[in-house]
Amino acid sequence: MLEASALTKRYGDKTAVDHLTFSVRPGIVTGFLGPNGAGKSTTMRMLIGLDLPTEGRATVRGRSYADHPAPLHEVGAMLQARAVHPGRSARDHLRTLAATHGIPSRRVDEVIDLVGLRSVATRRAGGFSLGMAQRLGIAAALLGDPATLILDEPVNGLDPEGVLWIRTLLKRLAAEGRTVFVSSHLMSEMALTAEHLVIIGRGRLLADCSVAEFTRSAAKNTVRARTPDAELLRTRLAGPDVTITGDDTGDLIVSGRTAEQIGRIAAGLGVVLYQLTDQVASLEEAFMEQTKDATEYQAVA
């Protein structure tokens, strides 16, 4: 399990991370989201000891990263895909990492095959495309067969096959009981990969909940009702906290009442319903709604 307790990082008079507290439990993929400048990278760096917190504490399985005698066996991290000597081959890079932690050379070949780099294993990493570099970074993170994975933007540069591969891999690793903590700007992909979310803005915690709970909390959640008696139903649904609009099909789009409430009212009126559907906001819509006041850089429309 990953835990951040009142984690704070200041650079002079700027607070990048502000008393951040959350836990990442094993067995599920947890997405780490936030606008640019929210403090995600700084938080991830503190989790693995690359930055020291100004206040608070970050632990992995109850210990700070530096207190683990063989951290590569405990935590696999990829924060920068190109954090590799450009003159080394993919295999030599992984062999060097393995040698520092007593990892047998056969494991190097296993992770090379796992990430699909067998055909380029002897090529210099400096000539790798971004997608190939991402695969090498993931191989390095998996080298020690760790119980915890921390990955920053792992799908960057991957083609559709690669995106599907990493999604499947992360879910499989979580299903094995590992702790999987992943940041991404791709909301559509995160909606398919993560079960739980930790969302920050301006260094502060905005949400710590399941994907389903987060999207349900969005202000844009509505119910679509299709009926031949739209005007009658509209009249009876009206109320001080209810908004009812129509669309090109003549359906009623209702906010402020649940599908169950609308169904009961329609039944009481004897109104026929052809469709009654919850219109839940997408993860992207919910994210934009929840972080609109925490975005550091905003373009003028």
Protein backbone atom coordinates (compact mmCIF):
# COMPACT_ATOMS: atom_id res chain seq x y z
CA MET A 1 0.00 0.00 0.00
CA LEU A 2 1.09 3.55 -0.77
CA GLU A 3 0.33 6.23 1.80
CA ALA A 4 0.80 9.98 1.80
CA SER A 5 0.27 11.69 5.14
CA ALA A 6 0.05 15.51 5.17
CA LEU A 7 2.59 15.45 2.33
CA THR A 8 3.84 18.97 1.61
CA LYS A 9 6.49 20.37 -0.71
CA ARG A 10 7.47 24.02 -0.91
CA TYR A 11 9.93 25.69 -3.27
CA GLY A 12 10.64 29.05 -1.71
CA ASP A 13 7.30 30.82 -1.40
CA LYS A 14 5.57 28.41 -3.80
CA THR A 15 3.70 25.41 -2.38
CA ALA A 16 3.66 22.64 -4.97
CA VAL A 17 1.99 20.02 -2.74
CA ASP A 18 -0.15 21.15 0.17
CA HIS A 19 -0.80 18.72 3.07
CA LEU A 20 -1.83 15.89 0.78
CA THR A 21 -3.22 12.77 2.47
CA PHE A 22 -4.38 9.64 0.63
CA SER A 23 -3.87 5.88 0.46
CA VAL A 24 -3.52 3.63 -2.57
CA ARG A 25 -4.65 0.13 -1.81
CA PRO A 26 -3.61 -3.08 -3.57
CA GLY A 27 -5.80 -5.09 -5.90
CA ILE A 28 -7.09 -2.27 -8.10
CA VAL A 29 -5.68 0.30 -10.51
CA THR A 30 -5.74 3.77 -8.97
CA GLY A 31 -5.59 6.75 -11.31
CA PHE A 32 -3.78 9.93 -10.28
CA LEU A 33 -5.30 12.96 -12.01
CA GLY A 34 -4.95 16.70 -11.94
CA PRO A 35 -4.48 19.69 -14.23
CA ASN A 36 -1.03 20.74 -15.38
CA GLY A 37 0.86 22.21 -12.45
CA ALA A 38 -1.32 20.40 -9.89
CA GLY A 39 1.67 18.75 -8.20
CA LYS A 40 1.31 15.19 -9.54
CA SER A 41 4.93 14.72 -10.60
CA THR A 42 6.22 16.25 -7.38
CA THR A 43 4.00 13.93 -5.35
CA MET A 44 5.20 10.88 -7.26
CA ARG A 45 8.81 11.94 -6.82
CA MET A 46 8.28 12.21 -3.06
CA LEU A 47 6.68 8.76 -2.95
CA ILE A 48 9.91 7.20 -4.25
CA GLY A 49 12.34 9.46 -2.42
CA LEU A 50 13.57 11.56 -5.34
CA ASP A 51 12.32 14.69 -3.56
CA LEU A 52 12.22 15.12 0.20
CA PRO A 53 8.95 16.51 1.58
CA THR A 54 8.98 19.83 3.40
CA GLU A 55 6.44 18.33 5.78
CA GLY A 56 4.58 15.05 6.09
CA ARG A 57 5.55 11.54 5.11
CA ALA A 58 5.25 9.15 2.18
CA THR A 59 5.46 5.40 2.75
CA VAL A 60 5.42 2.25 0.67
CA ARG A 61 4.17 -0.80 2.56
CA GLY A 62 4.72 1.02 5.84
CA ARG A 63 8.27 2.26 5.15
CA SER A 64 9.75 5.24 3.40
CA TYR A 65 11.23 4.29 0.05
CA ALA A 66 14.79 4.88 1.28
CA ASP A 67 14.29 2.47 4.19
CA HIS A 68 13.68 -0.52 1.92
CA PRO A 69 16.93 -2.52 1.64
CA ALA A 70 16.16 -3.55 -1.96
CA PRO A 71 13.67 -0.96 -3.22
CA LEU A 72 13.48 -2.32 -6.77
CA HIS A 73 11.92 -5.48 -5.33
CA GLU A 74 9.33 -3.39 -3.47
CA VAL A 75 8.53 -0.55 -5.87
CA GLY A 76 8.73 -0.33 -9.63
CA ALA A 77 8.56 3.24 -10.87
CA MET A 78 8.62 4.99 -14.22
CA LEU A 79 8.53 8.77 -13.95
CA GLN A 80 10.57 9.61 -17.04
CA ALA A 81 10.62 7.17 -19.93
CA ARG A 82 13.94 8.47 -21.27
CA ALA A 83 15.80 8.23 -17.95
CA VAL A 84 18.34 5.88 -19.51
CA HIS A 85 21.88 6.28 -20.85
CA PRO A 86 21.38 6.80 -24.61
CA GLY A 87 24.50 4.81 -25.48
CA ARG A 88 23.35 1.65 -23.75
CA SER A 89 21.24 -1.01 -25.34
CA ALA A 90 17.90 -1.88 -23.79
CA ARG A 91 19.30 -5.18 -22.52
CA ASP A 92 22.43 -3.58 -21.03
CA HIS A 93 20.36 -0.92 -19.30
CA LEU A 94 18.22 -3.58 -17.64
CA ARG A 95 21.26 -5.75 -16.82
CA THR A 96 22.88 -2.81 -15.03
CA LEU A 97 19.75 -2.24 -12.94
CA ALA A 98 19.49 -5.96 -12.21
CA ALA A 99 23.11 -6.19 -11.05
CA THR A 100 22.58 -3.52 -8.39
CA HIS A 101 19.76 -5.52 -6.79
CA GLY A 102 20.92 -9.11 -7.22
CA ILE A 103 18.28 -9.83 -9.85
CA PRO A 104 19.19 -12.80 -12.09
CA SER A 105 19.86 -12.12 -15.77
CA ARG A 106 17.02 -14.41 -16.83
CA ARG A 107 14.61 -11.83 -15.39
CA VAL A 108 16.00 -9.27 -17.84
CA ASP A 109 14.98 -11.48 -20.76
CA GLU A 110 11.59 -12.10 -19.17
CA VAL A 111 10.69 -8.41 -18.94
CA ILE A 112 12.08 -7.69 -22.41
CA ASP A 113 9.68 -10.29 -23.78
CA LEU A 114 6.87 -9.04 -21.57
CA VAL A 115 7.04 -5.51 -22.99
CA GLY A 116 7.66 -6.60 -26.58
CA LEU A 117 11.21 -5.34 -27.06
CA ARG A 118 12.90 -8.60 -28.03
CA SER A 119 13.61 -7.46 -31.61
CA VAL A 120 15.34 -4.23 -30.49
CA ALA A 121 16.93 -5.42 -27.24
CA THR A 122 20.47 -4.84 -28.57
CA ARG A 123 19.77 -1.41 -30.06
CA ARG A 124 20.94 1.75 -28.29
CA ALA A 125 18.17 3.30 -26.25
CA GLY A 126 19.06 6.77 -27.55
CA GLY A 127 17.55 5.81 -30.89
CA PHE A 128 14.27 4.58 -29.47
CA SER A 129 10.97 6.21 -30.33
CA LEU A 130 8.90 7.53 -27.43
CA GLY A 131 6.73 4.42 -27.51
CA MET A 132 9.77 2.11 -27.38
CA ALA A 133 11.24 4.19 -24.55
CA GLN A 134 7.95 3.83 -22.65
CA ARG A 135 8.12 0.06 -23.02
CA LEU A 136 11.72 0.06 -21.76
CA GLY A 137 10.73 2.20 -18.78
CA ILE A 138 7.92 -0.21 -17.94
CA ALA A 139 10.35 -3.14 -18.27
CA ALA A 140 12.66 -1.45 -15.76
CA ALA A 141 9.75 -0.87 -13.38
CA LEU A 142 8.80 -4.55 -13.55
CA LEU A 143 12.36 -5.87 -13.28
CA GLY A 144 12.27 -6.60 -9.53
CA ASP A 145 8.78 -8.15 -9.71
CA PRO A 146 7.61 -5.47 -7.26
CA ALA A 147 4.44 -5.42 -5.19
CA THR A 148 3.93 -1.74 -5.98
CA LEU A 149 4.00 0.09 -9.33
CA ILE A 150 4.12 3.87 -9.80
CA LEU A 151 3.84 4.96 -13.43
CA ASP A 152 3.70 8.51 -14.76
CA GLU A 153 1.89 8.78 -18.11
CA PRO A 154 2.69 5.21 -19.24
CA VAL A 155 0.63 5.37 -22.45
CA ASN A 156 2.42 8.41 -23.89
CA GLY A 157 3.73 7.61 -27.35
CA LEU A 158 2.08 4.20 -27.58
CA ASP A 159 0.05 3.18 -30.62
CA PRO A 160 -3.48 1.74 -30.14
CA GLU A 161 -2.13 -1.79 -29.77
CA GLY A 162 0.32 -0.55 -27.15
CA VAL A 163 -2.39 1.34 -25.26
CA LEU A 164 -4.53 -1.80 -25.12
CA TRP A 165 -1.49 -3.81 -24.01
CA ILE A 166 -0.62 -1.49 -21.10
CA ARG A 167 -4.28 -1.31 -20.04
CA THR A 168 -4.50 -5.10 -19.95
CA LEU A 169 -1.14 -5.39 -18.18
CA LEU A 170 -2.04 -2.92 -15.43
CA LYS A 171 -5.35 -4.64 -14.75
CA ARG A 172 -3.64 -8.02 -14.62
CA LEU A 173 -0.97 -6.78 -12.22
CA ALA A 174 -3.63 -5.28 -9.96
CA ALA A 175 -5.63 -8.53 -10.09
CA GLU A 176 -2.51 -10.29 -8.78
CA GLY A 177 -2.82 -8.16 -5.63
CA ARG A 178 -0.29 -5.47 -6.46
CA THR A 179 -0.66 -1.77 -5.76
CA VAL A 180 -0.87 0.09 -9.08
CA PHE A 181 -0.74 3.91 -9.11
CA VAL A 182 -0.90 5.55 -12.55
CA SER A 183 -1.07 9.15 -13.69
CA SER A 184 -2.48 10.16 -17.07
CA HIS A 185 -3.96 13.09 -18.96
CA LEU A 186 -6.00 10.74 -21.17
CA MET A 187 -9.39 10.68 -19.46
CA SER A 188 -10.94 8.20 -21.86
CA GLU A 189 -8.15 5.73 -21.18
CA MET A 190 -8.24 6.28 -17.43
CA ALA A 191 -11.98 5.61 -17.46
CA LEU A 192 -11.26 2.19 -18.99
CA THR A 193 -8.27 1.34 -16.79
CA ALA A 194 -8.77 2.71 -13.27
CA GLU A 195 -11.30 1.72 -10.64
CA HIS A 196 -10.31 4.36 -8.09
CA LEU A 197 -9.15 7.97 -8.46
CA VAL A 198 -7.00 10.37 -6.50
CA ILE A 199 -7.46 13.87 -7.94
CA ILE A 200 -5.51 16.94 -6.93
CA GLY A 201 -5.51 20.61 -7.93
CA ARG A 202 -3.00 23.26 -6.90
CA GLY A 203 -1.37 20.65 -4.69
CA ARG A 204 -4.51 19.89 -2.69
CA LEU A 205 -6.74 16.83 -2.63
CA LEU A 206 -9.95 17.31 -4.61
CA ALA A 207 -11.30 13.76 -4.70
CA ASP A 208 -10.44 10.29 -3.42
CA CYS A 209 -13.16 7.91 -4.58
CA SER A 210 -14.14 5.33 -7.17
CA VAL A 211 -14.50 6.32 -10.82
CA ALA A 212 -18.24 5.62 -10.60
CA GLU A 213 -18.68 7.83 -7.53
CA PHE A 214 -16.71 10.63 -9.13
CA THR A 215 -18.69 10.68 -12.37
CA ARG A 216 -21.98 10.47 -10.47
CA SER A 217 -21.00 13.54 -8.46
CA ALA A 218 -20.66 15.69 -11.58
CA ALA A 219 -23.16 18.52 -11.95
CA LYS A 220 -24.04 17.46 -15.52
CA ASN A 221 -25.70 14.17 -14.60
CA THR A 222 -29.22 14.10 -16.08
CA VAL A 223 -32.05 11.72 -16.96
CA ARG A 224 -33.42 11.34 -20.50
CA ALA A 225 -37.16 10.65 -20.75
CA ARG A 226 -38.94 9.85 -24.02
CA THR A 227 -42.73 9.93 -23.97
CA PRO A 228 -45.65 10.91 -26.26
CA ASP A 229 -46.96 13.03 -23.35
CA ALA A 230 -43.90 15.22 -22.90
CA GLU A 231 -45.75 18.41 -21.94
CA LEU A 232 -47.87 16.72 -19.28
CA LEU A 233 -44.84 15.01 -17.78
CA ARG A 234 -42.83 18.24 -17.91
CA THR A 235 -45.54 20.05 -15.94
CA ARG A 236 -45.60 17.45 -13.16
CA LEU A 237 -41.80 17.16 -12.93
CA ALA A 238 -41.26 20.90 -12.51
CA GLY A 239 -39.93 22.11 -9.15
CA PRO A 240 -37.61 24.69 -7.57
CA ASP A 241 -34.47 22.54 -7.98
CA VAL A 242 -35.45 20.84 -11.24
CA THR A 243 -34.22 21.84 -14.69
CA ILE A 244 -35.98 20.42 -17.75
CA THR A 245 -34.85 20.96 -21.31
CA GLY A 246 -35.62 19.28 -24.62
CA ASP A 247 -33.52 18.11 -27.53
CA ASP A 248 -34.04 17.63 -31.26
CA THR A 249 -35.78 14.28 -30.73
CA GLY A 250 -38.39 15.74 -28.39
CA ASP A 251 -36.96 13.89 -25.36
CA LEU A 252 -36.98 15.58 -21.98
CA ILE A 253 -33.56 16.08 -20.38
CA VAL A 254 -34.10 16.37 -16.63
CA SER A 255 -31.72 17.33 -13.84
CA GLY A 256 -32.79 17.47 -10.21
CA ARG A 257 -34.83 14.26 -10.28
CA THR A 258 -33.71 10.65 -10.42
CA ALA A 259 -34.89 8.10 -12.98
CA GLU A 260 -36.81 6.32 -10.20
CA GLN A 261 -38.66 9.52 -9.24
CA ILE A 262 -39.56 10.26 -12.86
CA GLY A 263 -40.78 6.69 -13.36
CA ARG A 264 -43.06 6.87 -10.32
CA ILE A 265 -44.51 10.24 -11.37
CA ALA A 266 -45.13 8.97 -14.90
CA ALA A 267 -46.83 5.83 -13.57
CA GLY A 268 -49.08 7.93 -11.35
CA LEU A 269 -50.14 10.00 -14.36
CA GLY A 270 -50.62 6.96 -16.60
CA VAL A 271 -47.97 8.39 -18.93
CA VAL A 272 -46.23 5.95 -21.25
CA LEU A 273 -42.42 6.05 -21.22
CA TYR A 274 -40.54 4.80 -24.26
CA GLN A 275 -37.15 5.53 -22.68
CA LEU A 276 -35.90 6.46 -19.21
CA THR A 277 -32.11 6.59 -19.05
CA ASP A 278 -29.54 8.01 -16.66
CA GLN A 279 -27.15 10.26 -18.57
CA VAL A 280 -24.02 10.07 -16.42
CA ALA A 281 -21.23 12.52 -17.15
CA SER A 282 -18.09 11.09 -18.72
CA LEU A 283 -14.92 11.07 -16.65
CA GLU A 284 -13.61 13.93 -18.78
CA GLU A 285 -16.75 16.02 -18.16
CA ALA A 286 -16.66 15.28 -14.43
CA PHE A 287 -12.95 16.09 -14.27
CA MET A 288 -13.38 19.41 -16.06
CA GLU A 289 -16.25 20.33 -13.75
CA GLN A 290 -14.45 19.42 -10.56
CA THR A 291 -11.11 21.03 -11.46
CA LYS A 292 -12.31 24.20 -13.18
CA ASP A 293 -11.26 26.35 -10.22
CA ALA A 294 -7.94 24.54 -9.74
CA THR A 295 -6.50 24.99 -13.23
CA GLU A 296 -3.34 27.07 -13.24
CA TYR A 297 -3.31 27.83 -16.96
CA GLN A 298 -6.54 28.69 -18.76
CA ALA A 299 -6.89 29.70 -22.40
CA VAL A 300 -9.24 32.51 -23.32
CA ALA A 301 -12.08 31.27 -25.50
